[in-house]
Amino acid sequence: MTAEDRIQMQIIKWTQVPAVREKYPELALLYHTANERKCSVYQGVHFKRMGVKSGIPDLHLPVARKGYHGLYMELKSEKGRLSKSQKWWLEHLTEQGYLCKVYRDPKEAFELLVRYLDDES
């Protein structure tokens, strides 16, 4: 398990805390697209034909807020770097009206989700 996996699991676990889910029921819509698969060449070709694409952000919250169509989050370890395809996706999703953020600390991601979903901020 990578550091990025651990960060992502902490975020998902936090979104499932009953008090958090009660205050922000929209978090039930937060999901991960599993694009980082290790597979055979045949499976890779199959997945590519099915629409799997490299670089898609780790988490997506398809909830419109504050003028955005939704939120995409890319999670990185302290030393992790964005790939060329990740940069491409973040740039183009931003152009399409999505809020896109890169996080290395789950606490910052929690704060973003609260700010994004809160009506007051």
C-alpha atoms as a PDB file:
ATOM      1  CA  MET A   1       0.000   0.000   0.000  1.00  0.00           C
ATOM      2  CA  THR A   2       1.364   3.395  -0.982  1.00  0.00           C
ATOM      3  CA  ALA A   3       1.320   6.634   1.015  1.00  0.00           C
ATOM      4  CA  GLU A   4      -1.199   7.972  -1.488  1.00  0.00           C
ATOM      5  CA  ASP A   5      -3.444   4.953  -0.860  1.00  0.00           C
ATOM      6  CA  ARG A   6      -3.318   5.634   2.877  1.00  0.00           C
ATOM      7  CA  ILE A   7      -4.220   9.312   2.387  1.00  0.00           C
ATOM      8  CA  GLN A   8      -7.148   8.374   0.183  1.00  0.00           C
ATOM      9  CA  MET A   9      -8.415   5.749   2.627  1.00  0.00           C
ATOM     10  CA  GLN A  10      -8.251   8.290   5.476  1.00  0.00           C
ATOM     11  CA  ILE A  11     -10.385  10.690   3.457  1.00  0.00           C
ATOM     12  CA  ILE A  12     -12.951   8.020   2.571  1.00  0.00           C
ATOM     13  CA  LYS A  13     -13.055   6.798   6.183  1.00  0.00           C
ATOM     14  CA  TRP A  14     -13.629  10.378   7.413  1.00  0.00           C
ATOM     15  CA  THR A  15     -16.509  10.862   4.945  1.00  0.00           C
ATOM     16  CA  GLN A  16     -18.193   7.777   6.409  1.00  0.00           C
ATOM     17  CA  VAL A  17     -18.177   8.995  10.023  1.00  0.00           C
ATOM     18  CA  PRO A  18     -21.888   9.234  10.952  1.00  0.00           C
ATOM     19  CA  ALA A  19     -21.695  12.833  12.230  1.00  0.00           C
ATOM     20  CA  VAL A  20     -19.845  13.951   9.086  1.00  0.00           C
ATOM     21  CA  ARG A  21     -22.248  12.077   6.782  1.00  0.00           C
ATOM     22  CA  GLU A  22     -25.243  13.520   8.644  1.00  0.00           C
ATOM     23  CA  LYS A  23     -23.977  17.079   8.171  1.00  0.00           C
ATOM     24  CA  TYR A  24     -22.808  16.488   4.573  1.00  0.00           C
ATOM     25  CA  PRO A  25     -24.980  13.731   3.030  1.00  0.00           C
ATOM     26  CA  GLU A  26     -23.598  14.643  -0.407  1.00  0.00           C
ATOM     27  CA  LEU A  27     -20.361  12.876   0.592  1.00  0.00           C
ATOM     28  CA  ALA A  28     -22.151   9.622  -0.235  1.00  0.00           C
ATOM     29  CA  LEU A  29     -21.470  10.608  -3.864  1.00  0.00           C
ATOM     30  CA  LEU A  30     -17.666  10.834  -3.415  1.00  0.00           C
ATOM     31  CA  TYR A  31     -15.972   8.065  -5.409  1.00  0.00           C
ATOM     32  CA  HIS A  32     -12.668   6.803  -6.744  1.00  0.00           C
ATOM     33  CA  THR A  33     -12.068   5.713 -10.335  1.00  0.00           C
ATOM     34  CA  ALA A  34      -9.692   2.747 -10.190  1.00  0.00           C
ATOM     35  CA  ASN A  35      -7.350   3.562 -13.058  1.00  0.00           C
ATOM     36  CA  GLU A  36      -4.072   2.443 -11.478  1.00  0.00           C
ATOM     37  CA  ARG A  37      -4.419  -1.256 -12.220  1.00  0.00           C
ATOM     38  CA  LYS A  38      -1.725  -3.845 -12.585  1.00  0.00           C
ATOM     39  CA  CYS A  39      -2.928  -6.246 -15.214  1.00  0.00           C
ATOM     40  CA  SER A  40      -1.937  -8.350 -18.176  1.00  0.00           C
ATOM     41  CA  VAL A  41      -1.390  -6.840 -21.599  1.00  0.00           C
ATOM     42  CA  TYR A  42      -4.722  -8.327 -22.734  1.00  0.00           C
ATOM     43  CA  GLN A  43      -6.559  -6.823 -19.748  1.00  0.00           C
ATOM     44  CA  GLY A  44      -4.836  -3.466 -20.337  1.00  0.00           C
ATOM     45  CA  VAL A  45      -6.014  -3.405 -23.956  1.00  0.00           C
ATOM     46  CA  HIS A  46      -9.512  -4.410 -22.826  1.00  0.00           C
ATOM     47  CA  PHE A  47      -9.666  -1.688 -20.157  1.00  0.00           C
ATOM     48  CA  LYS A  48      -8.390   0.921 -22.607  1.00  0.00           C
ATOM     49  CA  ARG A  49     -11.131  -0.056 -25.062  1.00  0.00           C
ATOM     50  CA  MET A  50     -13.607   0.267 -22.172  1.00  0.00           C
ATOM     51  CA  GLY A  51     -12.500   3.887 -21.611  1.00  0.00           C
ATOM     52  CA  VAL A  52      -9.893   3.662 -18.850  1.00  0.00           C
ATOM     53  CA  LYS A  53      -7.606   6.667 -19.176  1.00  0.00           C
ATOM     54  CA  SER A  54      -4.352   7.566 -17.505  1.00  0.00           C
ATOM     55  CA  GLY A  55      -4.124  10.554 -15.193  1.00  0.00           C
ATOM     56  CA  ILE A  56      -7.737  10.929 -14.053  1.00  0.00           C
ATOM     57  CA  PRO A  57      -7.810  12.451 -10.539  1.00  0.00           C
ATOM     58  CA  ASP A  58      -8.180  10.058  -7.602  1.00  0.00           C
ATOM     59  CA  LEU A  59     -11.473  11.292  -6.158  1.00  0.00           C
ATOM     60  CA  HIS A  60     -14.538  12.916  -7.691  1.00  0.00           C
ATOM     61  CA  LEU A  61     -17.424  14.569  -5.873  1.00  0.00           C
ATOM     62  CA  PRO A  62     -20.154  15.172  -8.493  1.00  0.00           C
ATOM     63  CA  VAL A  63     -21.860  17.898  -6.470  1.00  0.00           C
ATOM     64  CA  ALA A  64     -22.205  21.415  -7.877  1.00  0.00           C
ATOM     65  CA  ARG A  65     -21.253  24.200  -5.435  1.00  0.00           C
ATOM     66  CA  LYS A  66     -19.974  27.748  -5.492  1.00  0.00           C
ATOM     67  CA  GLY A  67     -20.129  28.028  -9.278  1.00  0.00           C
ATOM     68  CA  TYR A  68     -18.317  24.718  -9.929  1.00  0.00           C
ATOM     69  CA  HIS A  69     -19.817  21.642 -11.593  1.00  0.00           C
ATOM     70  CA  GLY A  70     -18.099  19.366  -9.072  1.00  0.00           C
ATOM     71  CA  LEU A  71     -14.824  18.666  -7.309  1.00  0.00           C
ATOM     72  CA  TYR A  72     -11.838  16.535  -8.328  1.00  0.00           C
ATOM     73  CA  MET A  73      -9.037  15.705  -5.907  1.00  0.00           C
ATOM     74  CA  GLU A  74      -5.623  14.309  -6.765  1.00  0.00           C
ATOM     75  CA  LEU A  75      -3.780  12.842  -3.786  1.00  0.00           C
ATOM     76  CA  LYS A  76      -0.002  12.757  -3.545  1.00  0.00           C
ATOM     77  CA  SER A  77       2.550  11.742  -0.958  1.00  0.00           C
ATOM     78  CA  GLU A  78       5.007  14.362   0.302  1.00  0.00           C
ATOM     79  CA  LYS A  79       7.468  13.466  -2.452  1.00  0.00           C
ATOM     80  CA  GLY A  80       4.914  12.499  -5.086  1.00  0.00           C
ATOM     81  CA  ARG A  81       4.859  14.426  -8.349  1.00  0.00           C
ATOM     82  CA  LEU A  82       2.089  14.938 -10.861  1.00  0.00           C
ATOM     83  CA  SER A  83       2.523  13.048 -14.108  1.00  0.00           C
ATOM     84  CA  LYS A  84       2.087  14.755 -17.455  1.00  0.00           C
ATOM     85  CA  SER A  85      -1.304  13.081 -17.914  1.00  0.00           C
ATOM     86  CA  GLN A  86      -2.438  14.113 -14.397  1.00  0.00           C
ATOM     87  CA  LYS A  87      -1.519  17.733 -15.131  1.00  0.00           C
ATOM     88  CA  TRP A  88      -3.429  17.507 -18.424  1.00  0.00           C
ATOM     89  CA  TRP A  89      -6.590  16.220 -16.720  1.00  0.00           C
ATOM     90  CA  LEU A  90      -6.467  18.809 -13.920  1.00  0.00           C
ATOM     91  CA  GLU A  91      -6.000  21.634 -16.429  1.00  0.00           C
ATOM     92  CA  HIS A  92      -8.799  20.501 -18.729  1.00  0.00           C
ATOM     93  CA  LEU A  93     -11.261  19.690 -15.948  1.00  0.00           C
ATOM     94  CA  THR A  94     -10.628  23.162 -14.493  1.00  0.00           C
ATOM     95  CA  GLU A  95     -11.359  24.681 -17.909  1.00  0.00           C
ATOM     96  CA  GLN A  96     -14.671  22.782 -17.909  1.00  0.00           C
ATOM     97  CA  GLY A  97     -15.782  24.378 -14.641  1.00  0.00           C
ATOM     98  CA  TYR A  98     -14.635  21.857 -12.037  1.00  0.00           C
ATOM     99  CA  LEU A  99     -12.686  22.699  -8.909  1.00  0.00           C
ATOM    100  CA  CYS A 100      -9.496  20.618  -9.034  1.00  0.00           C
ATOM    101  CA  LYS A 101      -7.054  20.379  -6.143  1.00  0.00           C
ATOM    102  CA  VAL A 102      -3.945  18.391  -5.288  1.00  0.00           C
ATOM    103  CA  TYR A 103      -3.515  17.329  -1.657  1.00  0.00           C
ATOM    104  CA  ARG A 104      -0.713  15.704   0.284  1.00  0.00           C
ATOM    105  CA  ASP A 105      -2.352  15.920   3.719  1.00  0.00           C
ATOM    106  CA  PRO A 106      -5.741  14.369   4.511  1.00  0.00           C
ATOM    107  CA  LYS A 107      -6.552  17.152   7.006  1.00  0.00           C
ATOM    108  CA  GLU A 108      -6.292  19.738   4.215  1.00  0.00           C
ATOM    109  CA  ALA A 109      -8.573  17.574   2.087  1.00  0.00           C
ATOM    110  CA  PHE A 110     -11.139  17.382   4.936  1.00  0.00           C
ATOM    111  CA  GLU A 111     -11.049  21.191   5.204  1.00  0.00           C
ATOM    112  CA  LEU A 112     -11.543  21.563   1.448  1.00  0.00           C
ATOM    113  CA  LEU A 113     -14.554  19.252   1.473  1.00  0.00           C
ATOM    114  CA  VAL A 114     -16.140  21.159   4.371  1.00  0.00           C
ATOM    115  CA  ARG A 115     -15.506  24.558   2.745  1.00  0.00           C
ATOM    116  CA  TYR A 116     -16.800  23.275  -0.586  1.00  0.00           C
ATOM    117  CA  LEU A 117     -19.999  21.822   0.862  1.00  0.00           C
ATOM    118  CA  ASP A 118     -20.754  24.483   3.481  1.00  0.00           C
ATOM    119  CA  ASP A 119     -23.313  27.014   2.318  1.00  0.00           C
ATOM    120  CA  GLU A 120     -21.866  29.719   4.568  1.00  0.00           C
ATOM    121  CA  SER A 121     -18.373  29.857   3.073  1.00  0.00           C
END
